[in-house]
Amino acid sequence: MFLHQHDSAVAAFILTKGIARCPTARALPTQATIAAADRAALEDDAAKREWLREQRSATWKRSFRMYGIPALPGE
């Protein structure tokens, strides 16, 4: 595959899959300069993930209380 064919194949993949940002950006903090819009999107994504984590934790705790199992110490 020639370089220009590779570039067009990658561009077509990005267009069809709707990928706009690097998917690994959520995995670890970066030392790069990030545009304000991207920084806000990453912060929003982190807040949504934290909210989901809290909801799952609350559901898990409720399921134990339903059966009379005491909560873990400190909870």
Protein backbone atom coordinates (compact mmCIF):
# COMPACT_ATOMS: atom_id res chain seq x y z
CA MET A 1 0.00 0.00 0.00
CA PHE A 2 1.40 3.38 -0.98
CA LEU A 3 1.61 6.21 1.53
CA HIS A 4 -1.18 8.26 -0.07
CA GLN A 5 -3.44 5.18 -0.06
CA HIS A 6 -2.67 4.63 3.61
CA ASP A 7 -3.49 8.26 4.46
CA SER A 8 -6.80 8.10 2.60
CA ALA A 9 -7.68 4.78 4.28
CA VAL A 10 -7.00 6.28 7.71
CA ALA A 11 -9.04 9.38 6.86
CA ALA A 12 -11.94 7.22 5.66
CA PHE A 13 -11.80 5.16 8.87
CA ILE A 14 -11.87 8.29 11.02
CA LEU A 15 -14.82 9.68 9.07
CA THR A 16 -16.85 6.48 9.27
CA LYS A 17 -16.11 5.78 12.93
CA GLY A 18 -16.54 9.37 14.06
CA ILE A 19 -13.27 9.48 15.96
CA ALA A 20 -12.33 13.09 16.66
CA ARG A 21 -9.88 12.79 19.54
CA CYS A 22 -7.16 10.42 20.61
CA PRO A 23 -8.85 7.63 22.61
CA THR A 24 -5.81 7.22 24.86
CA ALA A 25 -6.09 10.81 26.09
CA ARG A 26 -8.51 9.61 28.77
CA ALA A 27 -6.17 6.93 30.05
CA LEU A 28 -3.35 8.99 31.52
CA PRO A 29 -2.63 12.65 32.18
CA THR A 30 -0.57 14.30 29.49
CA GLN A 31 2.20 16.88 29.63
CA ALA A 32 1.21 18.28 26.26
CA THR A 33 -0.53 21.60 25.78
CA ILE A 34 -4.23 20.87 25.34
CA ALA A 35 -6.71 23.22 23.72
CA ALA A 36 -9.30 24.67 26.09
CA ALA A 37 -12.19 22.87 24.33
CA ASP A 38 -10.39 19.53 24.54
CA ARG A 39 -9.48 20.12 28.19
CA ALA A 40 -13.13 20.91 28.98
CA ALA A 41 -14.26 17.77 27.12
CA LEU A 42 -11.79 15.61 29.07
CA GLU A 43 -12.88 17.15 32.38
CA ASP A 44 -16.53 16.55 31.46
CA ASP A 45 -15.74 12.95 30.55
CA ALA A 46 -13.91 12.44 33.86
CA ALA A 47 -16.87 13.90 35.78
CA LYS A 48 -19.29 11.56 33.98
CA ARG A 49 -17.10 8.55 34.71
CA GLU A 50 -16.88 9.53 38.40
CA TRP A 51 -20.67 9.95 38.58
CA LEU A 52 -21.15 6.49 37.03
CA ARG A 53 -18.67 5.00 39.48
CA GLU A 54 -20.57 6.53 42.40
CA GLN A 55 -23.89 5.25 41.04
CA ARG A 56 -22.53 1.72 40.68
CA SER A 57 -21.11 1.85 44.18
CA ALA A 58 -24.42 3.04 45.63
CA THR A 59 -26.31 0.29 43.78
CA TRP A 60 -23.87 -2.31 45.07
CA LYS A 61 -24.25 -1.07 48.66
CA ARG A 62 -28.07 -1.04 48.38
CA SER A 63 -28.06 -4.63 47.17
CA PHE A 64 -26.21 -5.71 50.30
CA ARG A 65 -28.50 -3.73 52.61
CA MET A 66 -31.51 -5.34 50.97
CA TYR A 67 -30.35 -8.73 52.26
CA GLY A 68 -29.39 -7.45 55.71
CA ILE A 69 -25.66 -7.72 55.13
CA PRO A 70 -23.83 -5.01 57.10
CA ALA A 71 -21.78 -2.44 55.23
CA LEU A 72 -18.02 -2.55 55.27
CA PRO A 73 -16.35 -0.63 58.11
CA GLY A 74 -16.01 3.07 57.35
CA GLU A 75 -18.92 3.17 54.91
